[in-house]
Amino acid sequence: MKNINKMRAYIEASNKIDPGTWINKVGKYLNNKIDGAFKIKFGPMHCTVWMRMYYQVPHDPDSMNEMHFEIDITSYQNKLRINLTEDTLAEKTIGQLILTPDQLGDLEAVRAMVLDKIQKFIAKEYAEYDFIY
């Protein structure tokens, strides 16, 4: 019985993540690997990455505008939470991703999930613009 409890405690301890380490690791990866990422800020148990995307108004080839997004990374209950927000006065929330420790092994998959969430939001919310990815 003692060995089973020791094994259970070992498994639970190995599945826990060090939140600060993963917040920084994911934030740095997203900042380096997302085209358009232009700023990163670290705080206690928090990281924010800003990114920009360019778009044109259809039928006006001379118009080139940019839109900024915030990728906020924090943790709770042994998980990472990534909040995606449109960086405007309204600060419209796009959505969030909750990542478990086993999903954090592949940072490229995390990047793909974040970009997929942003692209789905853009396609729905700003269908009248042509975004350049």
C-alpha atoms as a PDB file:
ATOM      1  CA  MET A   1       0.000   0.000   0.000  1.00  0.00           C
ATOM      2  CA  LYS A   2       2.844   2.400   0.830  1.00  0.00           C
ATOM      3  CA  ASN A   3       4.477   1.745  -2.533  1.00  0.00           C
ATOM      4  CA  ILE A   4       1.211   2.490  -4.368  1.00  0.00           C
ATOM      5  CA  ASN A   5       0.822   5.810  -2.512  1.00  0.00           C
ATOM      6  CA  LYS A   6       4.450   6.710  -3.245  1.00  0.00           C
ATOM      7  CA  MET A   7       3.951   5.872  -6.918  1.00  0.00           C
ATOM      8  CA  ARG A   8       0.729   7.916  -7.067  1.00  0.00           C
ATOM      9  CA  ALA A   9       2.476  10.903  -5.436  1.00  0.00           C
ATOM     10  CA  TYR A  10       5.367  10.586  -7.902  1.00  0.00           C
ATOM     11  CA  ILE A  11       3.012  10.501 -10.901  1.00  0.00           C
ATOM     12  CA  GLU A  12       1.052  13.520  -9.645  1.00  0.00           C
ATOM     13  CA  ALA A  13       4.264  15.472  -9.028  1.00  0.00           C
ATOM     14  CA  SER A  14       5.648  14.657 -12.480  1.00  0.00           C
ATOM     15  CA  ASN A  15       2.425  15.805 -14.170  1.00  0.00           C
ATOM     16  CA  LYS A  16       2.549  19.219 -12.515  1.00  0.00           C
ATOM     17  CA  ILE A  17       4.106  22.000 -14.520  1.00  0.00           C
ATOM     18  CA  ASP A  18       6.196  24.851 -13.265  1.00  0.00           C
ATOM     19  CA  PRO A  19       3.836  27.639 -14.365  1.00  0.00           C
ATOM     20  CA  GLY A  20       6.416  30.414 -14.496  1.00  0.00           C
ATOM     21  CA  THR A  21       8.750  28.376 -16.668  1.00  0.00           C
ATOM     22  CA  TRP A  22       6.021  27.371 -19.121  1.00  0.00           C
ATOM     23  CA  ILE A  23       4.514  30.852 -19.299  1.00  0.00           C
ATOM     24  CA  ASN A  24       7.902  32.273 -20.274  1.00  0.00           C
ATOM     25  CA  LYS A  25       8.728  29.392 -22.623  1.00  0.00           C
ATOM     26  CA  VAL A  26       5.419  29.607 -24.507  1.00  0.00           C
ATOM     27  CA  GLY A  27       5.546  33.420 -24.618  1.00  0.00           C
ATOM     28  CA  LYS A  28       9.080  33.491 -26.006  1.00  0.00           C
ATOM     29  CA  TYR A  29       8.237  30.814 -28.578  1.00  0.00           C
ATOM     30  CA  LEU A  30       5.138  32.648 -29.794  1.00  0.00           C
ATOM     31  CA  ASN A  31       7.041  35.934 -29.964  1.00  0.00           C
ATOM     32  CA  ASN A  32       9.812  34.353 -32.048  1.00  0.00           C
ATOM     33  CA  LYS A  33       7.677  32.168 -34.308  1.00  0.00           C
ATOM     34  CA  ILE A  34       4.589  34.251 -35.110  1.00  0.00           C
ATOM     35  CA  ASP A  35       5.008  36.564 -38.075  1.00  0.00           C
ATOM     36  CA  GLY A  36       3.867  39.969 -36.963  1.00  0.00           C
ATOM     37  CA  ALA A  37       4.757  39.566 -33.282  1.00  0.00           C
ATOM     38  CA  PHE A  38       6.377  42.842 -32.317  1.00  0.00           C
ATOM     39  CA  LYS A  39       6.434  43.123 -28.535  1.00  0.00           C
ATOM     40  CA  ILE A  40       6.611  40.887 -25.491  1.00  0.00           C
ATOM     41  CA  LYS A  41       6.195  41.797 -21.828  1.00  0.00           C
ATOM     42  CA  PHE A  42       6.795  39.550 -18.841  1.00  0.00           C
ATOM     43  CA  GLY A  43       5.152  39.973 -15.472  1.00  0.00           C
ATOM     44  CA  PRO A  44       4.815  37.805 -12.395  1.00  0.00           C
ATOM     45  CA  MET A  45       3.103  34.620 -13.608  1.00  0.00           C
ATOM     46  CA  HIS A  46       2.014  36.443 -16.758  1.00  0.00           C
ATOM     47  CA  CYS A  47       3.266  37.135 -20.267  1.00  0.00           C
ATOM     48  CA  THR A  48       1.761  39.229 -23.071  1.00  0.00           C
ATOM     49  CA  VAL A  49       2.744  39.009 -26.732  1.00  0.00           C
ATOM     50  CA  TRP A  50       1.481  41.645 -29.154  1.00  0.00           C
ATOM     51  CA  MET A  51       1.089  40.842 -32.822  1.00  0.00           C
ATOM     52  CA  ARG A  52      -0.080  42.761 -35.859  1.00  0.00           C
ATOM     53  CA  MET A  53      -1.950  41.634 -38.936  1.00  0.00           C
ATOM     54  CA  TYR A  54      -2.386  43.633 -42.114  1.00  0.00           C
ATOM     55  CA  TYR A  55      -5.582  43.965 -44.086  1.00  0.00           C
ATOM     56  CA  GLN A  56      -7.022  45.776 -47.076  1.00  0.00           C
ATOM     57  CA  VAL A  57     -10.474  47.103 -47.744  1.00  0.00           C
ATOM     58  CA  PRO A  58     -11.765  45.354 -50.883  1.00  0.00           C
ATOM     59  CA  HIS A  59     -11.958  47.464 -54.018  1.00  0.00           C
ATOM     60  CA  ASP A  60      -9.370  49.872 -52.569  1.00  0.00           C
ATOM     61  CA  PRO A  61      -5.931  48.452 -53.398  1.00  0.00           C
ATOM     62  CA  ASP A  62      -4.195  51.507 -51.919  1.00  0.00           C
ATOM     63  CA  SER A  63      -5.577  50.918 -48.442  1.00  0.00           C
ATOM     64  CA  MET A  64      -3.277  49.020 -46.112  1.00  0.00           C
ATOM     65  CA  ASN A  65      -4.273  48.887 -42.465  1.00  0.00           C
ATOM     66  CA  GLU A  66      -3.070  46.953 -39.485  1.00  0.00           C
ATOM     67  CA  MET A  67      -4.842  45.372 -36.558  1.00  0.00           C
ATOM     68  CA  HIS A  68      -3.166  44.395 -33.289  1.00  0.00           C
ATOM     69  CA  PHE A  69      -3.897  41.421 -31.057  1.00  0.00           C
ATOM     70  CA  GLU A  70      -2.760  40.569 -27.538  1.00  0.00           C
ATOM     71  CA  ILE A  71      -1.883  37.029 -26.569  1.00  0.00           C
ATOM     72  CA  ASP A  72      -2.020  36.900 -22.755  1.00  0.00           C
ATOM     73  CA  ILE A  73      -0.541  33.821 -21.091  1.00  0.00           C
ATOM     74  CA  THR A  74      -1.178  32.953 -17.455  1.00  0.00           C
ATOM     75  CA  SER A  75      -1.734  29.815 -15.400  1.00  0.00           C
ATOM     76  CA  TYR A  76      -4.173  28.284 -12.995  1.00  0.00           C
ATOM     77  CA  GLN A  77      -4.755  24.805 -11.559  1.00  0.00           C
ATOM     78  CA  ASN A  78      -1.675  23.295 -13.240  1.00  0.00           C
ATOM     79  CA  LYS A  79      -2.811  24.511 -16.683  1.00  0.00           C
ATOM     80  CA  LEU A  80      -1.927  27.402 -18.957  1.00  0.00           C
ATOM     81  CA  ARG A  81      -4.635  29.790 -20.083  1.00  0.00           C
ATOM     82  CA  ILE A  82      -4.042  31.806 -23.231  1.00  0.00           C
ATOM     83  CA  ASN A  83      -6.450  34.702 -23.687  1.00  0.00           C
ATOM     84  CA  LEU A  84      -6.688  36.251 -27.140  1.00  0.00           C
ATOM     85  CA  THR A  85      -7.827  39.868 -27.281  1.00  0.00           C
ATOM     86  CA  GLU A  86      -8.215  42.396 -30.047  1.00  0.00           C
ATOM     87  CA  ASP A  87      -5.948  45.288 -29.068  1.00  0.00           C
ATOM     88  CA  THR A  88      -8.391  48.148 -29.638  1.00  0.00           C
ATOM     89  CA  LEU A  89     -10.258  50.511 -27.341  1.00  0.00           C
ATOM     90  CA  ALA A  90     -13.049  47.945 -27.072  1.00  0.00           C
ATOM     91  CA  GLU A  91     -10.550  45.164 -26.214  1.00  0.00           C
ATOM     92  CA  LYS A  92     -12.827  42.552 -27.725  1.00  0.00           C
ATOM     93  CA  THR A  93     -12.034  39.059 -26.507  1.00  0.00           C
ATOM     94  CA  ILE A  94     -11.522  36.573 -29.303  1.00  0.00           C
ATOM     95  CA  GLY A  95     -11.401  33.542 -27.097  1.00  0.00           C
ATOM     96  CA  GLN A  96      -9.166  31.511 -24.889  1.00  0.00           C
ATOM     97  CA  LEU A  97      -7.224  28.296 -24.955  1.00  0.00           C
ATOM     98  CA  ILE A  98      -6.734  26.091 -21.927  1.00  0.00           C
ATOM     99  CA  LEU A  99      -3.668  23.886 -22.229  1.00  0.00           C
ATOM    100  CA  THR A 100      -2.833  20.902 -20.070  1.00  0.00           C
ATOM    101  CA  PRO A 101       0.762  19.854 -19.347  1.00  0.00           C
ATOM    102  CA  ASP A 102       0.688  17.089 -21.975  1.00  0.00           C
ATOM    103  CA  GLN A 103      -0.235  19.655 -24.688  1.00  0.00           C
ATOM    104  CA  LEU A 104       2.779  21.830 -23.864  1.00  0.00           C
ATOM    105  CA  GLY A 105       5.332  19.370 -25.199  1.00  0.00           C
ATOM    106  CA  ASP A 106       4.770  20.556 -28.763  1.00  0.00           C
ATOM    107  CA  LEU A 107       5.149  24.337 -28.901  1.00  0.00           C
ATOM    108  CA  GLU A 108       4.537  24.383 -32.646  1.00  0.00           C
ATOM    109  CA  ALA A 109       1.091  22.867 -32.019  1.00  0.00           C
ATOM    110  CA  VAL A 110       0.421  25.604 -29.436  1.00  0.00           C
ATOM    111  CA  ARG A 111       1.368  28.251 -32.017  1.00  0.00           C
ATOM    112  CA  ALA A 112      -0.938  26.622 -34.577  1.00  0.00           C
ATOM    113  CA  MET A 113      -3.854  26.584 -32.102  1.00  0.00           C
ATOM    114  CA  VAL A 114      -3.378  30.282 -31.256  1.00  0.00           C
ATOM    115  CA  LEU A 115      -3.220  31.332 -34.915  1.00  0.00           C
ATOM    116  CA  ASP A 116      -6.175  29.122 -35.813  1.00  0.00           C
ATOM    117  CA  LYS A 117      -8.280  30.778 -33.106  1.00  0.00           C
ATOM    118  CA  ILE A 118      -7.326  34.262 -34.329  1.00  0.00           C
ATOM    119  CA  GLN A 119      -8.004  33.379 -37.984  1.00  0.00           C
ATOM    120  CA  LYS A 120     -11.440  31.946 -37.170  1.00  0.00           C
ATOM    121  CA  PHE A 121     -12.316  35.105 -35.266  1.00  0.00           C
ATOM    122  CA  ILE A 122     -11.146  37.319 -38.122  1.00  0.00           C
ATOM    123  CA  ALA A 123     -13.040  35.320 -40.731  1.00  0.00           C
ATOM    124  CA  LYS A 124     -16.225  35.652 -38.709  1.00  0.00           C
ATOM    125  CA  GLU A 125     -15.896  39.204 -37.402  1.00  0.00           C
ATOM    126  CA  TYR A 126     -14.186  40.959 -40.310  1.00  0.00           C
ATOM    127  CA  ALA A 127     -15.412  39.131 -43.399  1.00  0.00           C
ATOM    128  CA  GLU A 128     -15.511  42.405 -45.329  1.00  0.00           C
ATOM    129  CA  TYR A 129     -11.694  42.843 -45.154  1.00  0.00           C
ATOM    130  CA  ASP A 130      -8.940  40.967 -46.956  1.00  0.00           C
ATOM    131  CA  PHE A 131      -6.309  39.933 -44.422  1.00  0.00           C
ATOM    132  CA  ILE A 132      -2.745  39.241 -45.431  1.00  0.00           C
ATOM    133  CA  TYR A 133      -1.296  36.276 -43.589  1.00  0.00           C
END
